Protein backbone atom coordinates (compact mmCIF):
# COMPACT_ATOMS: atom_id res chain seq x y z
CA UNK A 1 -34.03 -27.10 170.31
CA UNK A 2 -31.52 -25.29 168.32
CA UNK A 3 -28.28 -26.69 167.25
CA UNK A 4 -25.22 -24.79 165.63
CA UNK A 5 -22.96 -26.16 163.25
CA UNK A 6 -20.06 -25.09 160.93
CA UNK A 7 -20.06 -25.74 157.16
CA UNK A 8 -16.72 -25.52 155.32
CA UNK A 9 -16.00 -23.49 152.27
CA UNK A 10 -18.30 -24.26 149.36
CA UNK A 11 -19.37 -27.33 150.94
CA UNK A 12 -22.44 -29.25 151.94
CA UNK A 13 -23.23 -31.00 155.06
CA UNK A 14 -26.09 -32.86 156.74
CA UNK A 15 -27.51 -33.11 160.21
CA UNK A 16 -30.75 -34.96 161.64
CA UNK A 17 -32.84 -34.65 164.57
CA UNK A 18 -35.17 -37.11 165.61
CA UNK A 19 -38.41 -38.16 167.94
CA UNK A 20 -40.72 -35.24 166.68
CA UNK A 21 -44.41 -35.58 166.98
CA UNK A 22 -45.92 -36.09 163.34
CA UNK A 23 -48.86 -34.18 164.33
CA UNK A 24 -46.59 -30.81 164.70
CA UNK A 25 -45.87 -28.51 161.61
CA UNK A 26 -42.46 -27.78 162.16
CA UNK A 27 -40.42 -24.84 159.91
CA UNK A 28 -36.75 -25.08 159.98
CA UNK A 29 -34.30 -21.91 159.45
CA UNK A 30 -30.77 -21.54 159.47
CA UNK A 31 -29.00 -18.28 160.59
CA UNK A 32 -25.18 -17.53 159.93
CA UNK A 33 -23.45 -16.20 163.14
CA UNK A 34 -20.36 -15.31 161.43
CA UNK A 35 -20.97 -11.97 159.56
CA UNK A 36 -20.26 -11.57 155.79
CA UNK A 37 -21.79 -8.61 154.09
CA UNK A 38 -22.83 -8.88 150.31
CA UNK A 39 -24.33 -11.94 149.43
CA UNK A 40 -26.23 -14.84 150.77
CA UNK A 41 -23.98 -17.48 152.80
CA UNK A 42 -26.23 -20.54 153.21
CA UNK A 43 -29.08 -22.44 151.31
CA UNK A 44 -30.76 -25.55 153.14
CA UNK A 45 -33.19 -28.28 152.45
CA UNK A 46 -35.20 -30.21 154.77
CA UNK A 47 -36.36 -33.73 154.21
CA UNK A 48 -38.65 -35.98 156.58
CA UNK A 49 -38.40 -39.45 157.72
CA UNK A 50 -41.51 -41.06 159.43
CA UNK A 51 -39.70 -43.08 162.11
CA UNK A 52 -42.77 -44.77 163.80
CA UNK A 53 -46.42 -44.26 163.97
CA UNK A 54 -45.85 -41.07 165.87
CA UNK A 55 -42.54 -39.66 165.50
CA UNK A 56 -40.58 -38.16 162.85
CA UNK A 57 -36.99 -37.52 161.87
CA UNK A 58 -35.96 -34.26 160.15
CA UNK A 59 -32.90 -34.54 157.87
CA UNK A 60 -31.41 -31.03 157.41
CA UNK A 61 -28.80 -30.34 154.30
CA UNK A 62 -26.82 -27.11 154.72
CA UNK A 63 -25.02 -25.61 151.76
CA UNK A 64 -22.28 -23.10 152.12
CA UNK A 65 -22.48 -20.57 149.32
CA UNK A 66 -19.24 -18.72 150.19
CA UNK A 67 -15.62 -19.36 149.93
CA UNK A 68 -15.19 -19.00 153.78
CA UNK A 69 -16.43 -21.43 156.41
CA UNK A 70 -19.97 -20.42 157.97
CA UNK A 71 -20.81 -20.82 161.47
CA UNK A 72 -24.53 -21.08 162.17
CA UNK A 73 -27.87 -21.78 164.02
CA UNK A 74 -30.34 -24.13 162.87
CA UNK A 75 -33.58 -22.57 164.52
CA UNK A 76 -37.07 -24.10 164.27
CA UNK A 77 -40.96 -22.83 164.69
CA UNK A 78 -43.91 -25.11 165.58
CA UNK A 79 -46.74 -23.78 163.50
CA UNK A 80 -49.22 -26.13 164.94
């Protein structure tokens, strides 16, 4: 599951994705899809909610570090 989004210039936006097994070790990455050379475009933070005994929700906050809108893909890797 990937998701895509756009973050406005110098703004922060939050997404969530739910019903993930709590036994999985999931790492999230944000990859800009709008090229801009010379400096980082995005920063992100991931927090977790234990939604039930066996499921969790990931809350993903993406910050645009530029003066232009940035489109991106949210990607993940399951490490266990």
